C-alpha atoms as a PDB file:
ATOM      1  CA  UNK A   1       0.079   0.011   0.008  1.00  0.00           C
ATOM      2  CA  UNK A   2       1.194   3.529  -0.770  1.00  0.00           C
ATOM      3  CA  UNK A   3       2.311   5.658   2.190  1.00  0.00           C
ATOM      4  CA  UNK A   4      -0.699   8.082   1.466  1.00  0.00           C
ATOM      5  CA  UNK A   5      -3.832   5.867   1.625  1.00  0.00           C
ATOM      6  CA  UNK A   6      -6.263   8.789   1.343  1.00  0.00           C
ATOM      7  CA  UNK A   7      -6.259  12.166  -0.159  1.00  0.00           C
ATOM      8  CA  UNK A   8      -5.302  15.151   1.901  1.00  0.00           C
ATOM      9  CA  UNK A   9      -6.786  18.538   1.385  1.00  0.00           C
ATOM     10  CA  UNK A  10      -4.691  21.056  -0.713  1.00  0.00           C
ATOM     11  CA  UNK A  11      -4.244  24.622   0.653  1.00  0.00           C
ATOM     12  CA  UNK A  12      -4.346  27.184  -2.286  1.00  0.00           C
ATOM     13  CA  UNK A  13      -2.843  30.529  -1.066  1.00  0.00           C
ATOM     14  CA  UNK A  14      -3.636  33.521  -3.093  1.00  0.00           C
ATOM     15  CA  UNK A  15      -1.971  37.055  -2.572  1.00  0.00           C
ATOM     16  CA  UNK A  16      -2.226  40.166  -4.711  1.00  0.00           C
ATOM     17  CA  UNK A  17      -1.911  43.997  -4.218  1.00  0.00           C
ATOM     18  CA  UNK A  18      -5.192  45.749  -3.130  1.00  0.00           C
ATOM     19  CA  UNK A  19      -7.086  46.458  -6.266  1.00  0.00           C
ATOM     20  CA  UNK A  20      -5.917  43.641  -8.228  1.00  0.00           C
ATOM     21  CA  UNK A  21      -9.423  41.858  -8.022  1.00  0.00           C
ATOM     22  CA  UNK A  22      -8.325  39.029  -5.821  1.00  0.00           C
ATOM     23  CA  UNK A  23     -11.568  38.910  -3.770  1.00  0.00           C
ATOM     24  CA  UNK A  24     -13.582  38.837  -7.074  1.00  0.00           C
ATOM     25  CA  UNK A  25     -11.658  36.218  -8.547  1.00  0.00           C
ATOM     26  CA  UNK A  26     -11.939  34.146  -5.469  1.00  0.00           C
ATOM     27  CA  UNK A  27     -15.709  34.353  -5.605  1.00  0.00           C
ATOM     28  CA  UNK A  28     -15.573  33.102  -9.292  1.00  0.00           C
ATOM     29  CA  UNK A  29     -13.462  30.126  -8.284  1.00  0.00           C
ATOM     30  CA  UNK A  30     -15.838  29.143  -5.287  1.00  0.00           C
ATOM     31  CA  UNK A  31     -18.715  29.572  -7.613  1.00  0.00           C
ATOM     32  CA  UNK A  32     -17.046  27.344 -10.450  1.00  0.00           C
ATOM     33  CA  UNK A  33     -15.758  24.463  -8.082  1.00  0.00           C
ATOM     34  CA  UNK A  34     -18.432  23.244  -5.708  1.00  0.00           C
ATOM     35  CA  UNK A  35     -15.578  21.107  -3.992  1.00  0.00           C
ATOM     36  CA  UNK A  36     -13.443  24.099  -3.261  1.00  0.00           C
ATOM     37  CA  UNK A  37     -13.947  25.997  -0.138  1.00  0.00           C
ATOM     38  CA  UNK A  38     -12.746  29.332   1.015  1.00  0.00           C
ATOM     39  CA  UNK A  39     -11.135  29.855   4.408  1.00  0.00           C
ATOM     40  CA  UNK A  40     -12.599  32.762   6.195  1.00  0.00           C
ATOM     41  CA  UNK A  41      -9.970  34.922   7.727  1.00  0.00           C
ATOM     42  CA  UNK A  42     -10.388  36.918  11.002  1.00  0.00           C
ATOM     43  CA  UNK A  43      -9.982  40.864  10.525  1.00  0.00           C
ATOM     44  CA  UNK A  44     -10.253  43.744  12.904  1.00  0.00           C
ATOM     45  CA  UNK A  45     -11.073  46.196  10.413  1.00  0.00           C
ATOM     46  CA  UNK A  46     -14.886  47.713   9.840  1.00  0.00           C
ATOM     47  CA  UNK A  47     -17.054  46.037   7.478  1.00  0.00           C
ATOM     48  CA  UNK A  48     -17.323  47.538   4.005  1.00  0.00           C
ATOM     49  CA  UNK A  49     -20.546  48.023   2.155  1.00  0.00           C
ATOM     50  CA  UNK A  50     -22.251  44.670   1.247  1.00  0.00           C
ATOM     51  CA  UNK A  51     -19.770  42.563   3.408  1.00  0.00           C
ATOM     52  CA  UNK A  52     -21.141  39.956   5.826  1.00  0.00           C
ATOM     53  CA  UNK A  53     -19.513  38.718   9.076  1.00  0.00           C
ATOM     54  CA  UNK A  54     -18.662  35.093   8.573  1.00  0.00           C
ATOM     55  CA  UNK A  55     -18.835  35.098   4.901  1.00  0.00           C
ATOM     56  CA  UNK A  56     -16.214  37.702   3.752  1.00  0.00           C
ATOM     57  CA  UNK A  57     -14.406  37.748   7.066  1.00  0.00           C
ATOM     58  CA  UNK A  58     -14.968  37.009  10.855  1.00  0.00           C
ATOM     59  CA  UNK A  59     -14.792  40.670  11.956  1.00  0.00           C
ATOM     60  CA  UNK A  60     -13.573  40.738  15.765  1.00  0.00           C
ATOM     61  CA  UNK A  61     -12.238  43.244  17.904  1.00  0.00           C
ATOM     62  CA  UNK A  62      -8.385  43.894  18.207  1.00  0.00           C
ATOM     63  CA  UNK A  63      -8.642  42.581  21.937  1.00  0.00           C
ATOM     64  CA  UNK A  64     -10.064  39.396  20.737  1.00  0.00           C
ATOM     65  CA  UNK A  65      -7.543  38.919  17.887  1.00  0.00           C
ATOM     66  CA  UNK A  66      -4.726  39.451  20.408  1.00  0.00           C
ATOM     67  CA  UNK A  67      -5.910  36.729  22.559  1.00  0.00           C
ATOM     68  CA  UNK A  68      -5.764  34.322  19.636  1.00  0.00           C
ATOM     69  CA  UNK A  69      -2.402  35.359  18.956  1.00  0.00           C
ATOM     70  CA  UNK A  70      -1.400  34.680  22.740  1.00  0.00           C
ATOM     71  CA  UNK A  71      -3.025  31.145  22.650  1.00  0.00           C
ATOM     72  CA  UNK A  72      -1.504  30.344  19.306  1.00  0.00           C
ATOM     73  CA  UNK A  73      -4.658  29.876  17.567  1.00  0.00           C
ATOM     74  CA  UNK A  74      -3.692  31.378  14.190  1.00  0.00           C
ATOM     75  CA  UNK A  75      -1.704  29.702  11.364  1.00  0.00           C
ATOM     76  CA  UNK A  76      -0.591  33.157  10.284  1.00  0.00           C
ATOM     77  CA  UNK A  77      -1.214  36.695  10.909  1.00  0.00           C
ATOM     78  CA  UNK A  78      -0.353  40.135   9.839  1.00  0.00           C
ATOM     79  CA  UNK A  79      -1.039  43.978  10.089  1.00  0.00           C
ATOM     80  CA  UNK A  80      -2.228  45.407   6.790  1.00  0.00           C
ATOM     81  CA  UNK A  81      -2.907  48.961   6.323  1.00  0.00           C
ATOM     82  CA  UNK A  82      -3.466  49.453  10.082  1.00  0.00           C
ATOM     83  CA  UNK A  83      -5.632  46.429  10.571  1.00  0.00           C
ATOM     84  CA  UNK A  84      -5.084  42.858  11.704  1.00  0.00           C
ATOM     85  CA  UNK A  85      -5.733  39.768   9.643  1.00  0.00           C
ATOM     86  CA  UNK A  86      -5.220  36.169  10.654  1.00  0.00           C
ATOM     87  CA  UNK A  87      -6.066  32.392   9.602  1.00  0.00           C
ATOM     88  CA  UNK A  88      -7.373  29.884  12.139  1.00  0.00           C
ATOM     89  CA  UNK A  89      -4.852  27.103  12.643  1.00  0.00           C
ATOM     90  CA  UNK A  90      -7.579  24.555  13.456  1.00  0.00           C
ATOM     91  CA  UNK A  91      -9.357  25.447  10.048  1.00  0.00           C
ATOM     92  CA  UNK A  92      -6.529  24.495   8.096  1.00  0.00           C
ATOM     93  CA  UNK A  93      -5.706  21.366  10.031  1.00  0.00           C
ATOM     94  CA  UNK A  94      -9.461  20.047   9.686  1.00  0.00           C
ATOM     95  CA  UNK A  95      -9.411  20.836   6.110  1.00  0.00           C
ATOM     96  CA  UNK A  96      -6.093  18.815   5.472  1.00  0.00           C
ATOM     97  CA  UNK A  97      -7.199  15.951   7.313  1.00  0.00           C
ATOM     98  CA  UNK A  98     -10.733  15.770   5.859  1.00  0.00           C
ATOM     99  CA  UNK A  99      -9.407  15.961   2.185  1.00  0.00           C
ATOM    100  CA  UNK A 100     -10.980  19.434   1.761  1.00  0.00           C
ATOM    101  CA  UNK A 101      -9.266  21.929  -0.695  1.00  0.00           C
ATOM    102  CA  UNK A 102      -8.973  25.428   0.765  1.00  0.00           C
ATOM    103  CA  UNK A 103      -8.655  28.759  -0.807  1.00  0.00           C
ATOM    104  CA  UNK A 104      -7.024  31.305   1.332  1.00  0.00           C
ATOM    105  CA  UNK A 105      -6.861  34.941   0.344  1.00  0.00           C
ATOM    106  CA  UNK A 106      -4.275  36.582   2.444  1.00  0.00           C
ATOM    107  CA  UNK A 107      -1.428  39.268   1.899  1.00  0.00           C
ATOM    108  CA  UNK A 108       2.364  38.616   1.181  1.00  0.00           C
ATOM    109  CA  UNK A 109       3.139  38.720   4.903  1.00  0.00           C
ATOM    110  CA  UNK A 110       0.758  36.025   5.839  1.00  0.00           C
ATOM    111  CA  UNK A 111       1.826  33.788   2.782  1.00  0.00           C
ATOM    112  CA  UNK A 112       5.474  33.873   3.914  1.00  0.00           C
ATOM    113  CA  UNK A 113       4.537  32.712   7.463  1.00  0.00           C
ATOM    114  CA  UNK A 114       2.544  29.969   5.698  1.00  0.00           C
ATOM    115  CA  UNK A 115       5.394  28.949   3.342  1.00  0.00           C
ATOM    116  CA  UNK A 116       7.567  27.993   6.308  1.00  0.00           C
ATOM    117  CA  UNK A 117       4.884  25.547   7.772  1.00  0.00           C
ATOM    118  CA  UNK A 118       2.875  24.513   4.745  1.00  0.00           C
ATOM    119  CA  UNK A 119       5.304  23.733   2.019  1.00  0.00           C
ATOM    120  CA  UNK A 120       2.869  21.492   0.182  1.00  0.00           C
ATOM    121  CA  UNK A 121       0.747  24.450  -0.103  1.00  0.00           C
ATOM    122  CA  UNK A 122       0.124  26.144  -3.597  1.00  0.00           C
ATOM    123  CA  UNK A 123       1.079  29.683  -3.891  1.00  0.00           C
ATOM    124  CA  UNK A 124      -0.317  31.990  -6.391  1.00  0.00           C
ATOM    125  CA  UNK A 125       0.145  35.822  -6.981  1.00  0.00           C
ATOM    126  CA  UNK A 126      -2.453  37.703  -8.635  1.00  0.00           C
ATOM    127  CA  UNK A 127      -1.032  40.788 -10.749  1.00  0.00           C
ATOM    128  CA  UNK A 128      -3.144  43.531 -12.263  1.00  0.00           C
ATOM    129  CA  UNK A 129      -2.295  44.502 -15.900  1.00  0.00           C
ATOM    130  CA  UNK A 130      -0.189  47.430 -14.763  1.00  0.00           C
ATOM    131  CA  UNK A 131      -0.051  50.252 -12.136  1.00  0.00           C
ATOM    132  CA  UNK A 132      -2.382  52.535 -14.020  1.00  0.00           C
ATOM    133  CA  UNK A 133      -5.074  49.868 -13.926  1.00  0.00           C
ATOM    134  CA  UNK A 134      -4.385  49.176 -10.475  1.00  0.00           C
ATOM    135  CA  UNK A 135      -5.069  53.018  -9.496  1.00  0.00           C
ATOM    136  CA  UNK A 136      -8.121  53.115 -11.722  1.00  0.00           C
ATOM    137  CA  UNK A 137      -9.574  50.104  -9.861  1.00  0.00           C
ATOM    138  CA  UNK A 138      -8.517  51.459  -6.293  1.00  0.00           C
ATOM    139  CA  UNK A 139     -10.429  54.767  -7.218  1.00  0.00           C
ATOM    140  CA  UNK A 140     -13.370  52.982  -8.771  1.00  0.00           C
ATOM    141  CA  UNK A 141     -14.212  51.378  -5.249  1.00  0.00           C
ATOM    142  CA  UNK A 142     -15.231  54.744  -3.922  1.00  0.00           C
ATOM    143  CA  UNK A 143     -14.592  53.434  -0.244  1.00  0.00           C
ATOM    144  CA  UNK A 144     -11.129  54.955   0.301  1.00  0.00           C
ATOM    145  CA  UNK A 145      -9.815  58.597   0.697  1.00  0.00           C
ATOM    146  CA  UNK A 146      -6.869  59.830  -1.124  1.00  0.00           C
ATOM    147  CA  UNK A 147      -4.233  59.172   1.485  1.00  0.00           C
ATOM    148  CA  UNK A 148      -5.422  55.600   1.778  1.00  0.00           C
ATOM    149  CA  UNK A 149      -5.349  55.000  -1.756  1.00  0.00           C
ATOM    150  CA  UNK A 150      -1.866  56.460  -2.206  1.00  0.00           C
ATOM    151  CA  UNK A 151      -0.587  54.337   0.716  1.00  0.00           C
ATOM    152  CA  UNK A 152      -2.057  51.159  -1.030  1.00  0.00           C
ATOM    153  CA  UNK A 153      -0.426  52.142  -4.306  1.00  0.00           C
ATOM    154  CA  UNK A 154       3.002  52.645  -2.620  1.00  0.00           C
ATOM    155  CA  UNK A 155       2.459  49.191  -0.582  1.00  0.00           C
ATOM    156  CA  UNK A 156       1.562  47.361  -4.094  1.00  0.00           C
ATOM    157  CA  UNK A 157       5.328  47.983  -5.217  1.00  0.00           C
ATOM    158  CA  UNK A 158       6.875  46.214  -2.247  1.00  0.00           C
ATOM    159  CA  UNK A 159       4.199  43.424  -2.605  1.00  0.00           C
ATOM    160  CA  UNK A 160       4.617  43.029  -6.333  1.00  0.00           C
ATOM    161  CA  UNK A 161       8.417  42.772  -5.523  1.00  0.00           C
ATOM    162  CA  UNK A 162       7.808  39.424  -3.895  1.00  0.00           C
ATOM    163  CA  UNK A 163       5.712  37.953  -6.487  1.00  0.00           C
ATOM    164  CA  UNK A 164       8.644  35.706  -8.090  1.00  0.00           C
ATOM    165  CA  UNK A 165       8.915  33.369  -4.914  1.00  0.00           C
ATOM    166  CA  UNK A 166       5.273  32.216  -5.504  1.00  0.00           C
ATOM    167  CA  UNK A 167       4.553  29.166  -7.508  1.00  0.00           C
ATOM    168  CA  UNK A 168       2.414  30.825 -10.120  1.00  0.00           C
ATOM    169  CA  UNK A 169       1.805  34.333 -11.576  1.00  0.00           C
ATOM    170  CA  UNK A 170      -1.713  35.173 -12.888  1.00  0.00           C
ATOM    171  CA  UNK A 171      -2.533  38.465 -14.457  1.00  0.00           C
ATOM    172  CA  UNK A 172      -6.043  39.583 -13.800  1.00  0.00           C
ATOM    173  CA  UNK A 173      -6.689  41.310 -16.949  1.00  0.00           C
ATOM    174  CA  UNK A 174     -10.050  40.043 -17.548  1.00  0.00           C
ATOM    175  CA  UNK A 175     -11.974  38.293 -14.687  1.00  0.00           C
ATOM    176  CA  UNK A 176     -13.157  35.265 -16.759  1.00  0.00           C
ATOM    177  CA  UNK A 177      -9.794  34.679 -18.413  1.00  0.00           C
ATOM    178  CA  UNK A 178      -7.927  34.930 -14.876  1.00  0.00           C
ATOM    179  CA  UNK A 179     -10.474  32.549 -13.483  1.00  0.00           C
ATOM    180  CA  UNK A 180      -9.872  29.974 -16.332  1.00  0.00           C
ATOM    181  CA  UNK A 181      -6.244  30.311 -15.560  1.00  0.00           C
ATOM    182  CA  UNK A 182      -6.678  29.698 -12.001  1.00  0.00           C
ATOM    183  CA  UNK A 183      -8.988  26.596 -12.700  1.00  0.00           C
ATOM    184  CA  UNK A 184      -6.250  25.335 -14.827  1.00  0.00           C
ATOM    185  CA  UNK A 185      -3.784  25.621 -11.987  1.00  0.00           C
ATOM    186  CA  UNK A 186      -6.092  23.899  -9.555  1.00  0.00           C
ATOM    187  CA  UNK A 187      -6.803  20.868 -11.888  1.00  0.00           C
ATOM    188  CA  UNK A 188      -3.020  20.325 -12.364  1.00  0.00           C
ATOM    189  CA  UNK A 189      -2.277  20.552  -8.787  1.00  0.00           C
ATOM    190  CA  UNK A 190      -5.047  17.981  -7.958  1.00  0.00           C
ATOM    191  CA  UNK A 191      -3.248  15.430 -10.221  1.00  0.00           C
ATOM    192  CA  UNK A 192       0.158  15.832  -8.936  1.00  0.00           C
ATOM    193  CA  UNK A 193       1.521  12.372  -8.237  1.00  0.00           C
ATOM    194  CA  UNK A 194       2.501  12.990  -4.633  1.00  0.00           C
ATOM    195  CA  UNK A 195      -0.981  14.046  -4.108  1.00  0.00           C
ATOM    196  CA  UNK A 196      -2.740  11.177  -5.747  1.00  0.00           C
ATOM    197  CA  UNK A 197      -0.603   8.277  -4.908  1.00  0.00           C
ATOM    198  CA  UNK A 198      -3.472   6.533  -3.099  1.00  0.00           C
ATOM    199  CA  UNK A 199      -5.081   5.946  -6.304  1.00  0.00           C
ATOM    200  CA  UNK A 200      -2.448   3.305  -7.107  1.00  0.00           C
ATOM    201  CA  UNK A 201      -3.608   1.126  -4.028  1.00  0.00           C
ATOM    202  CA  UNK A 202      -6.206  -0.684  -6.171  1.00  0.00           C
ATOM    203  CA  UNK A 203      -3.626  -1.689  -8.631  1.00  0.00           C
ATOM    204  CA  UNK A 204      -1.261  -3.132  -5.857  1.00  0.00           C
ATOM    205  CA  UNK A 205      -1.270  -7.203  -5.959  1.00  0.00           C
ATOM    206  CA  UNK A 206      -1.813  -8.682  -2.658  1.00  0.00           C
ATOM    207  CA  UNK A 207       1.634  -9.882  -1.250  1.00  0.00           C
ATOM    208  CA  UNK A 208       3.617  -6.991  -3.334  1.00  0.00           C
ATOM    209  CA  UNK A 209       5.955  -4.740  -1.332  1.00  0.00           C
END
């Protein structure tokens, strides 16, 4: 029998500069793949228009977030644009053990932390077509003042500089094309031999070593 007698869940980690369309792309993927679930992060920021607690994020107070850090309940956490974001360690463990593929939308700081502990994870960086389009998208939101927009644009340069250590780069120039590129990545990763070795069990003759 192969060492891996069952399928473990795959962790797909997505990062992108603010305004690259990562959240919209995640929704497209979840709608396209019923067997892919999104990990809901904890966040200390206020809800934006249309966001729902427990759907977009688990919105909690900074004190509650700090308690999770102290109790080592987070697989990763980071401060982004003055707010705290983090991923439940138990959520990742449960998904891996139950064979559930998870989609995780986090910033580069959190991705770096996960890279150390989840080497089998699939790390994907989403790029905008260019900086001009990124600025256009940020302004089109209508949710941030000028100082916030400028800070996000400046931070995007540092974030994009880290893109090459990710496993894949996907340009979100068109949401449908970007979704299809992501679906191709997910399909390929699900077929990797080290993840599907359990399929060979049925071909093992009794008594073979």
